C-alpha atoms as a PDB file:
ATOM      1  CA  UNK A   1     103.559  61.810  78.583  1.00  0.00           C
ATOM      2  CA  UNK A   2     105.697  60.549  81.524  1.00  0.00           C
ATOM      3  CA  UNK A   3     109.345  61.638  81.874  1.00  0.00           C
ATOM      4  CA  UNK A   4     110.441  58.004  81.841  1.00  0.00           C
ATOM      5  CA  UNK A   5     109.190  57.492  78.327  1.00  0.00           C
ATOM      6  CA  UNK A   6     110.807  60.694  77.029  1.00  0.00           C
ATOM      7  CA  UNK A   7     114.485  59.484  76.597  1.00  0.00           C
ATOM      8  CA  UNK A   8     113.641  56.421  74.452  1.00  0.00           C
ATOM      9  CA  UNK A   9     111.275  58.500  72.392  1.00  0.00           C
ATOM     10  CA  UNK A  10     113.866  61.164  71.856  1.00  0.00           C
ATOM     11  CA  UNK A  11     116.406  58.528  70.852  1.00  0.00           C
ATOM     12  CA  UNK A  12     113.918  57.080  68.279  1.00  0.00           C
ATOM     13  CA  UNK A  13     113.302  60.562  66.885  1.00  0.00           C
ATOM     14  CA  UNK A  14     117.071  61.139  66.478  1.00  0.00           C
ATOM     15  CA  UNK A  15     117.503  57.900  64.634  1.00  0.00           C
ATOM     16  CA  UNK A  16     114.593  58.637  62.317  1.00  0.00           C
ATOM     17  CA  UNK A  17     115.552  62.190  61.412  1.00  0.00           C
ATOM     18  CA  UNK A  18     118.587  62.661  59.073  1.00  0.00           C
ATOM     19  CA  UNK A  19     121.333  65.090  60.075  1.00  0.00           C
ATOM     20  CA  UNK A  20     120.260  68.786  59.906  1.00  0.00           C
ATOM     21  CA  UNK A  21     121.997  71.191  57.536  1.00  0.00           C
ATOM     22  CA  UNK A  22     124.362  73.827  59.162  1.00  0.00           C
ATOM     23  CA  UNK A  23     122.783  77.214  59.123  1.00  0.00           C
ATOM     24  CA  UNK A  24     125.255  79.079  56.877  1.00  0.00           C
ATOM     25  CA  UNK A  25     124.861  80.969  53.666  1.00  0.00           C
ATOM     26  CA  UNK A  26     127.178  80.675  50.629  1.00  0.00           C
ATOM     27  CA  UNK A  27     130.342  82.578  51.428  1.00  0.00           C
ATOM     28  CA  UNK A  28     129.933  82.132  55.128  1.00  0.00           C
ATOM     29  CA  UNK A  29     132.634  80.719  57.433  1.00  0.00           C
ATOM     30  CA  UNK A  30     132.612  77.219  58.894  1.00  0.00           C
ATOM     31  CA  UNK A  31     135.230  75.620  61.127  1.00  0.00           C
ATOM     32  CA  UNK A  32     136.716  72.126  60.985  1.00  0.00           C
ATOM     33  CA  UNK A  33     135.878  70.362  64.248  1.00  0.00           C
ATOM     34  CA  UNK A  34     137.358  66.918  63.654  1.00  0.00           C
ATOM     35  CA  UNK A  35     141.004  65.908  63.777  1.00  0.00           C
ATOM     36  CA  UNK A  36     142.459  64.840  60.372  1.00  0.00           C
ATOM     37  CA  UNK A  37     139.413  65.844  58.314  1.00  0.00           C
ATOM     38  CA  UNK A  38     139.818  65.042  54.666  1.00  0.00           C
ATOM     39  CA  UNK A  39     139.013  67.635  52.011  1.00  0.00           C
ATOM     40  CA  UNK A  40     137.938  65.366  49.129  1.00  0.00           C
ATOM     41  CA  UNK A  41     138.029  65.965  45.375  1.00  0.00           C
ATOM     42  CA  UNK A  42     134.379  64.926  45.113  1.00  0.00           C
ATOM     43  CA  UNK A  43     131.484  63.974  47.423  1.00  0.00           C
ATOM     44  CA  UNK A  44     132.425  60.263  47.411  1.00  0.00           C
ATOM     45  CA  UNK A  45     134.061  58.861  50.433  1.00  0.00           C
ATOM     46  CA  UNK A  46     136.569  57.152  48.236  1.00  0.00           C
ATOM     47  CA  UNK A  47     137.466  60.224  46.333  1.00  0.00           C
ATOM     48  CA  UNK A  48     141.132  61.477  46.439  1.00  0.00           C
ATOM     49  CA  UNK A  49     142.112  63.511  49.474  1.00  0.00           C
ATOM     50  CA  UNK A  50     143.260  67.058  48.479  1.00  0.00           C
ATOM     51  CA  UNK A  51     144.392  68.115  51.922  1.00  0.00           C
ATOM     52  CA  UNK A  52     144.027  67.007  55.548  1.00  0.00           C
ATOM     53  CA  UNK A  53     142.597  69.618  57.830  1.00  0.00           C
ATOM     54  CA  UNK A  54     142.836  70.137  61.596  1.00  0.00           C
ATOM     55  CA  UNK A  55     140.410  71.423  64.188  1.00  0.00           C
ATOM     56  CA  UNK A  56     139.938  75.233  64.158  1.00  0.00           C
ATOM     57  CA  UNK A  57     140.783  75.639  60.404  1.00  0.00           C
ATOM     58  CA  UNK A  58     138.403  78.139  58.761  1.00  0.00           C
ATOM     59  CA  UNK A  59     136.718  77.100  55.560  1.00  0.00           C
ATOM     60  CA  UNK A  60     134.356  79.101  53.274  1.00  0.00           C
ATOM     61  CA  UNK A  61     131.020  77.396  52.626  1.00  0.00           C
ATOM     62  CA  UNK A  62     130.179  77.301  48.902  1.00  0.00           C
ATOM     63  CA  UNK A  63     127.201  74.868  48.600  1.00  0.00           C
ATOM     64  CA  UNK A  64     125.681  71.610  49.688  1.00  0.00           C
ATOM     65  CA  UNK A  65     126.086  68.690  47.391  1.00  0.00           C
ATOM     66  CA  UNK A  66     122.476  67.896  46.630  1.00  0.00           C
ATOM     67  CA  UNK A  67     120.703  66.311  49.509  1.00  0.00           C
ATOM     68  CA  UNK A  68     123.934  64.522  50.616  1.00  0.00           C
ATOM     69  CA  UNK A  69     125.761  65.270  53.858  1.00  0.00           C
ATOM     70  CA  UNK A  70     128.761  66.693  51.776  1.00  0.00           C
ATOM     71  CA  UNK A  71     129.570  70.353  51.665  1.00  0.00           C
ATOM     72  CA  UNK A  72     131.621  72.057  48.915  1.00  0.00           C
ATOM     73  CA  UNK A  73     134.051  74.441  50.685  1.00  0.00           C
ATOM     74  CA  UNK A  74     137.072  76.574  49.778  1.00  0.00           C
ATOM     75  CA  UNK A  75     140.116  76.306  52.013  1.00  0.00           C
ATOM     76  CA  UNK A  76     143.066  78.736  52.108  1.00  0.00           C
ATOM     77  CA  UNK A  77     146.166  76.598  51.944  1.00  0.00           C
ATOM     78  CA  UNK A  78     149.678  77.933  52.610  1.00  0.00           C
ATOM     79  CA  UNK A  79     151.490  79.053  49.422  1.00  0.00           C
ATOM     80  CA  UNK A  80     149.165  77.056  47.132  1.00  0.00           C
ATOM     81  CA  UNK A  81     146.242  79.490  47.342  1.00  0.00           C
ATOM     82  CA  UNK A  82     142.736  78.401  47.881  1.00  0.00           C
ATOM     83  CA  UNK A  83     141.634  74.864  47.251  1.00  0.00           C
ATOM     84  CA  UNK A  84     138.011  73.784  46.655  1.00  0.00           C
ATOM     85  CA  UNK A  85     136.741  70.382  47.685  1.00  0.00           C
ATOM     86  CA  UNK A  86     134.206  68.515  49.741  1.00  0.00           C
ATOM     87  CA  UNK A  87     133.999  67.985  53.511  1.00  0.00           C
ATOM     88  CA  UNK A  88     131.605  65.631  55.271  1.00  0.00           C
ATOM     89  CA  UNK A  89     129.108  67.776  57.223  1.00  0.00           C
ATOM     90  CA  UNK A  90     129.855  66.091  60.611  1.00  0.00           C
ATOM     91  CA  UNK A  91     133.278  67.393  60.560  1.00  0.00           C
ATOM     92  CA  UNK A  92     132.118  71.082  60.309  1.00  0.00           C
ATOM     93  CA  UNK A  93     130.836  73.608  62.834  1.00  0.00           C
ATOM     94  CA  UNK A  94     129.396  77.069  62.612  1.00  0.00           C
ATOM     95  CA  UNK A  95     131.583  78.137  65.546  1.00  0.00           C
ATOM     96  CA  UNK A  96     135.299  77.561  66.277  1.00  0.00           C
ATOM     97  CA  UNK A  97     136.264  74.810  68.628  1.00  0.00           C
ATOM     98  CA  UNK A  98     136.784  75.813  72.239  1.00  0.00           C
ATOM     99  CA  UNK A  99     140.336  76.605  73.159  1.00  0.00           C
ATOM    100  CA  UNK A 100     141.942  74.055  75.485  1.00  0.00           C
ATOM    101  CA  UNK A 101     144.058  75.137  78.495  1.00  0.00           C
ATOM    102  CA  UNK A 102     147.227  73.716  79.767  1.00  0.00           C
ATOM    103  CA  UNK A 103     147.241  72.469  83.380  1.00  0.00           C
ATOM    104  CA  UNK A 104     150.378  74.360  84.185  1.00  0.00           C
ATOM    105  CA  UNK A 105     148.995  77.715  83.054  1.00  0.00           C
ATOM    106  CA  UNK A 106     145.210  77.805  82.922  1.00  0.00           C
ATOM    107  CA  UNK A 107     145.277  81.451  81.826  1.00  0.00           C
ATOM    108  CA  UNK A 108     147.175  80.735  78.636  1.00  0.00           C
ATOM    109  CA  UNK A 109     144.939  78.972  75.946  1.00  0.00           C
ATOM    110  CA  UNK A 110     146.341  76.356  73.661  1.00  0.00           C
ATOM    111  CA  UNK A 111     145.125  76.313  70.114  1.00  0.00           C
ATOM    112  CA  UNK A 112     142.819  73.360  69.318  1.00  0.00           C
ATOM    113  CA  UNK A 113     145.170  72.586  66.216  1.00  0.00           C
ATOM    114  CA  UNK A 114     148.227  72.240  68.481  1.00  0.00           C
ATOM    115  CA  UNK A 115     146.342  70.260  71.071  1.00  0.00           C
ATOM    116  CA  UNK A 116     144.815  67.778  68.541  1.00  0.00           C
ATOM    117  CA  UNK A 117     148.220  67.378  66.676  1.00  0.00           C
ATOM    118  CA  UNK A 118     150.021  66.691  69.980  1.00  0.00           C
ATOM    119  CA  UNK A 119     147.938  63.576  70.785  1.00  0.00           C
ATOM    120  CA  UNK A 120     147.628  64.910  74.342  1.00  0.00           C
ATOM    121  CA  UNK A 121     143.937  64.138  74.429  1.00  0.00           C
ATOM    122  CA  UNK A 122     144.627  60.418  74.245  1.00  0.00           C
ATOM    123  CA  UNK A 123     147.949  59.962  76.025  1.00  0.00           C
ATOM    124  CA  UNK A 124     147.148  59.840  79.635  1.00  0.00           C
ATOM    125  CA  UNK A 125     144.568  60.195  82.360  1.00  0.00           C
ATOM    126  CA  UNK A 126     145.194  63.472  84.115  1.00  0.00           C
ATOM    127  CA  UNK A 127     144.116  64.378  87.604  1.00  0.00           C
ATOM    128  CA  UNK A 128     141.050  66.254  86.385  1.00  0.00           C
ATOM    129  CA  UNK A 129     139.844  63.336  84.332  1.00  0.00           C
ATOM    130  CA  UNK A 130     140.389  60.976  87.300  1.00  0.00           C
ATOM    131  CA  UNK A 131     138.407  63.206  89.670  1.00  0.00           C
ATOM    132  CA  UNK A 132     135.548  63.499  87.122  1.00  0.00           C
ATOM    133  CA  UNK A 133     135.584  59.758  86.348  1.00  0.00           C
ATOM    134  CA  UNK A 134     135.115  59.061  90.106  1.00  0.00           C
ATOM    135  CA  UNK A 135     131.903  61.073  90.076  1.00  0.00           C
ATOM    136  CA  UNK A 136     130.225  58.945  87.385  1.00  0.00           C
ATOM    137  CA  UNK A 137     128.058  55.875  87.805  1.00  0.00           C
ATOM    138  CA  UNK A 138     131.021  53.464  87.259  1.00  0.00           C
ATOM    139  CA  UNK A 139     133.996  54.916  89.261  1.00  0.00           C
ATOM    140  CA  UNK A 140     135.743  51.515  88.924  1.00  0.00           C
ATOM    141  CA  UNK A 141     136.341  52.434  85.271  1.00  0.00           C
ATOM    142  CA  UNK A 142     138.929  54.984  86.319  1.00  0.00           C
ATOM    143  CA  UNK A 143     140.949  52.316  88.194  1.00  0.00           C
ATOM    144  CA  UNK A 144     140.598  50.036  85.150  1.00  0.00           C
ATOM    145  CA  UNK A 145     142.053  52.818  82.868  1.00  0.00           C
ATOM    146  CA  UNK A 146     144.912  53.479  85.327  1.00  0.00           C
ATOM    147  CA  UNK A 147     145.771  49.723  85.251  1.00  0.00           C
ATOM    148  CA  UNK A 148     145.639  49.675  81.429  1.00  0.00           C
ATOM    149  CA  UNK A 149     147.968  52.708  81.201  1.00  0.00           C
ATOM    150  CA  UNK A 150     150.387  50.954  83.607  1.00  0.00           C
ATOM    151  CA  UNK A 151     150.183  47.826  81.405  1.00  0.00           C
ATOM    152  CA  UNK A 152     150.777  49.784  78.284  1.00  0.00           C
ATOM    153  CA  UNK A 153     153.840  51.506  79.729  1.00  0.00           C
ATOM    154  CA  UNK A 154     155.335  48.162  80.496  1.00  0.00           C
ATOM    155  CA  UNK A 155     155.298  46.824  76.943  1.00  0.00           C
ATOM    156  CA  UNK A 156     158.176  47.839  74.679  1.00  0.00           C
ATOM    157  CA  UNK A 157     158.268  48.146  70.922  1.00  0.00           C
ATOM    158  CA  UNK A 158     160.188  44.844  70.483  1.00  0.00           C
ATOM    159  CA  UNK A 159     157.228  43.055  72.233  1.00  0.00           C
ATOM    160  CA  UNK A 160     154.794  44.678  69.870  1.00  0.00           C
ATOM    161  CA  UNK A 161     156.783  43.685  66.909  1.00  0.00           C
ATOM    162  CA  UNK A 162     157.007  40.036  68.154  1.00  0.00           C
ATOM    163  CA  UNK A 163     153.223  40.038  68.668  1.00  0.00           C
ATOM    164  CA  UNK A 164     152.629  41.380  65.090  1.00  0.00           C
ATOM    165  CA  UNK A 165     155.043  38.820  63.619  1.00  0.00           C
ATOM    166  CA  UNK A 166     153.392  35.825  65.428  1.00  0.00           C
ATOM    167  CA  UNK A 167     150.039  37.174  64.085  1.00  0.00           C
ATOM    168  CA  UNK A 168     151.365  37.381  60.507  1.00  0.00           C
ATOM    169  CA  UNK A 169     151.217  41.172  60.539  1.00  0.00           C
ATOM    170  CA  UNK A 170     154.008  43.398  59.339  1.00  0.00           C
ATOM    171  CA  UNK A 171     156.366  44.647  61.965  1.00  0.00           C
ATOM    172  CA  UNK A 172     155.934  48.499  61.896  1.00  0.00           C
ATOM    173  CA  UNK A 173     157.629  49.156  65.196  1.00  0.00           C
ATOM    174  CA  UNK A 174     160.592  47.577  66.965  1.00  0.00           C
ATOM    175  CA  UNK A 175     162.310  46.517  63.759  1.00  0.00           C
ATOM    176  CA  UNK A 176     165.736  47.361  64.902  1.00  0.00           C
ATOM    177  CA  UNK A 177     165.313  45.378  68.223  1.00  0.00           C
ATOM    178  CA  UNK A 178     163.850  42.414  66.286  1.00  0.00           C
ATOM    179  CA  UNK A 179     166.578  42.501  63.650  1.00  0.00           C
ATOM    180  CA  UNK A 180     169.324  42.239  66.335  1.00  0.00           C
ATOM    181  CA  UNK A 181     167.620  39.179  67.713  1.00  0.00           C
ATOM    182  CA  UNK A 182     167.413  37.409  64.323  1.00  0.00           C
ATOM    183  CA  UNK A 183     170.346  35.062  63.361  1.00  0.00           C
ATOM    184  CA  UNK A 184     172.471  36.696  60.715  1.00  0.00           C
ATOM    185  CA  UNK A 185     172.252  35.094  57.163  1.00  0.00           C
ATOM    186  CA  UNK A 186     175.445  33.604  55.855  1.00  0.00           C
ATOM    187  CA  UNK A 187     176.995  34.845  52.690  1.00  0.00           C
ATOM    188  CA  UNK A 188     176.079  32.812  49.578  1.00  0.00           C
ATOM    189  CA  UNK A 189     172.704  31.769  51.123  1.00  0.00           C
ATOM    190  CA  UNK A 190     174.157  28.905  53.229  1.00  0.00           C
END
């Protein structure tokens, strides 16, 4: 088989094969790998959320829910004791997430929970990401992202609220600025 045919064949195989089970025995430790992972009351995606978990949180594997991609796990929760529920398999890992490092102090690791909850991963394009982006097949994408960041920085919350109002959406930001622009209602409804 030629190497040119291998990538499409592998992609086809990946689509045809369902997700594999994590290699862990009951009582084993798994780690949350996705931000805002919901521990559900049952294996239904619409089930009530018992607690929201962050990357790096250790959970104890209890069992797999039939042949579904849902795992029954037990989670230690502060002051409440352990909580048992279901987590979607894709949000779990057999190893803890890698520690991120800060650019100011590369020798001091930052916990993945703190990094994920800070939103730092999506706030800005840092120098390292820019340098890496320029090595890719589409280096113009870096300049496009920089231009988008600049545009986003120039838009204030009042403009977002006005746009939402014009589209018939609720104003969830910029309310105080919008309220000051609205004419005051007269007493007695006149």
